[in-house]
Amino acid sequence: MQQSKRGKKKVTLLSATLLSATCMIGSGWLFSAQLTARYAGNWAFAAWILTAALVLMVGLCLARVVAIHPVRGALAQASALSYNNIFGMPFAFANWFGILMVVATEAQATTQYLSSAIGSSLLIENYRLTTWGKVLALSILGLYLMVNFYGIRWLTKINNVVTVLKIFTPLFALTVLLIVVFTRNQTGSNFSLSSNQEFEFHSAFSAIIGAGLIYSYNGFQVSVAFASEIKKPRRNIPLAIILSIVIITLVYLSLQFAFMEAVPHELLIENGGWQGLNFASPLLDLATLLGLHFLALVLLVDSVTSPSASGYTYLGASSRILFGMAQVGQMPRWLAVLDPVHNISRRSILVNWVLAAIVLANADSWAALMVIVTGYHVVSYMAAPISMGALEPNTRWFGLIVFILLSLLMLTLESSSLLLLCVSLSILVSIYATLHISGAGVHKLIVFTLPFLTYLWVLYFVSSMWLVVIVSAVFYRVISSRPYVEFCKSHNMERGG
């Protein structure tokens, strides 16, 4: 009994903030400084600020939903709770699968940095994991599983310690690079390169997805996934989101400046500016190039701890999302069974781990996988303003702005990635519809699932920004209107599987 009580201990504001902050310092910080510079040049700082503002807006929408429904895996369940489980299926899948793929991505990032450190093709060859690389990455996944298998108390205890290390390393790297920047004699500033004039504001907007900025910030929603396990969720969840985003934004902006100014000026000129810079492991390679061997060692250690901390936290978050989907009938009911001692669904954890292993075994590179993952993230974010508008009609104008911004962001995806996203969601919804056709009926399945899928396909075929704004505005106003919301709620159904 005593053990059971301990297993169900609530998460504090500090731990909730650190959970989100931990996931925002995963593999993204190890790669995004270079990618953002290549995409946006001097506009890199605007890209980070734009991303932080957008993510904060999504987070505030989500906080309003959680204030009404403080449940496990709230982002995945948001549209199911505000409409019905059939309508919410595309968003739930995008959220769950996007977070699940991050688990594999983090393990791959660690393997890629280790491969660069040892300077051999034992782990990665031709930018792909070798057999030994996959064995190592799967072993790392095994560690994620062990951390999650004994509940939230063990997870947060380990995470609080690891977070200190994860925050220390970027700050240490930042400090060392700034010392280099302000103490060395360099003939010119990297921010005054003539090639920087090739970048414009739209470069910053394109970098939000292409350079991995949304990917880097996605950890903000992890505290939401643990909503039912957080003390005073109505107050602590929005505070955890805001605090974690502000802290991490300051870290990323500072690191971006330090990285861009620390790169040798002559190297940039030789490579034709930021577009030609192509370090395999950016921060590690830069530290080695500058002769900062101790920093290189610290970065090597962090390339294991940072992605791993994000990986095991995301595995815990994805298992709670899958649990939430099972609770509302979007996944088989046997996944919605909690361990009585540790208050977790071990079945959901195991299913997610197996799927992450399958994704990892078929992944090509960190950057390619990151872009696809980000597409799923953006689709799942759309559930936040839609659900907020349905639950609180007076917030629809704010929700409309957030929804349009997310829609415009989808235009920056490569057409192949957007096509993969549309096809995969369409296939999943078709499978779901086939399994539930006898209970729901063809008419309900079409009315509840077709609008959003049609909207996604419109984004794929339409490239005009203004046309997308108009279509998105009309779609949002209709889908969040009181008649449609009430119609969906009147046909809500909970099914097992």
Foldseek 3Di string as FASTA:
>chain_A
DVLLVVLQAFAELVLLLLQLLLLLLFLLLQFLLLLLCLLFNVCSLVLLVVLLVLLLLLLVLQLLQCLVPLAALCLLCLLCVLFNLLLSLLLLCLVLVLLLLLLLLRLQLLLLLVCVVVVDPQQPDPQFGDPVVLVSSLVLLVVLLVQPPQADVSLSVVSVVLSVLSVVLLVVLLVVLVCLLVPDDAPDFLSPDPLSVVGDNVSSLLCCQLSLVCVSNVSLCLSSNCRVRHPPSSPSSSVSSVVSSVVVSVSSSSSSVSLSRSQHPVVQVVQVHSNRDDDSRRSLVSCVVVVVVVSNVSVSVSSSSSSSSSSSSSLQSSLSSVLSSQFSANAAVLQVDADSSNRGRSVSSVVSSVVNSVSSVPDRHSSVSSSLSSLSVLSSSLSSLLSSCSVPVVCNVSSLVSQLSSLLSNLSRDLVSLVVSLVVSVVSSVVSCVVCCVPQNPVRSCLSHVLVSVLSVCSSVDNDSVVSSVVSNVSSCVSSDNVNSVVSVVSHDGDHD
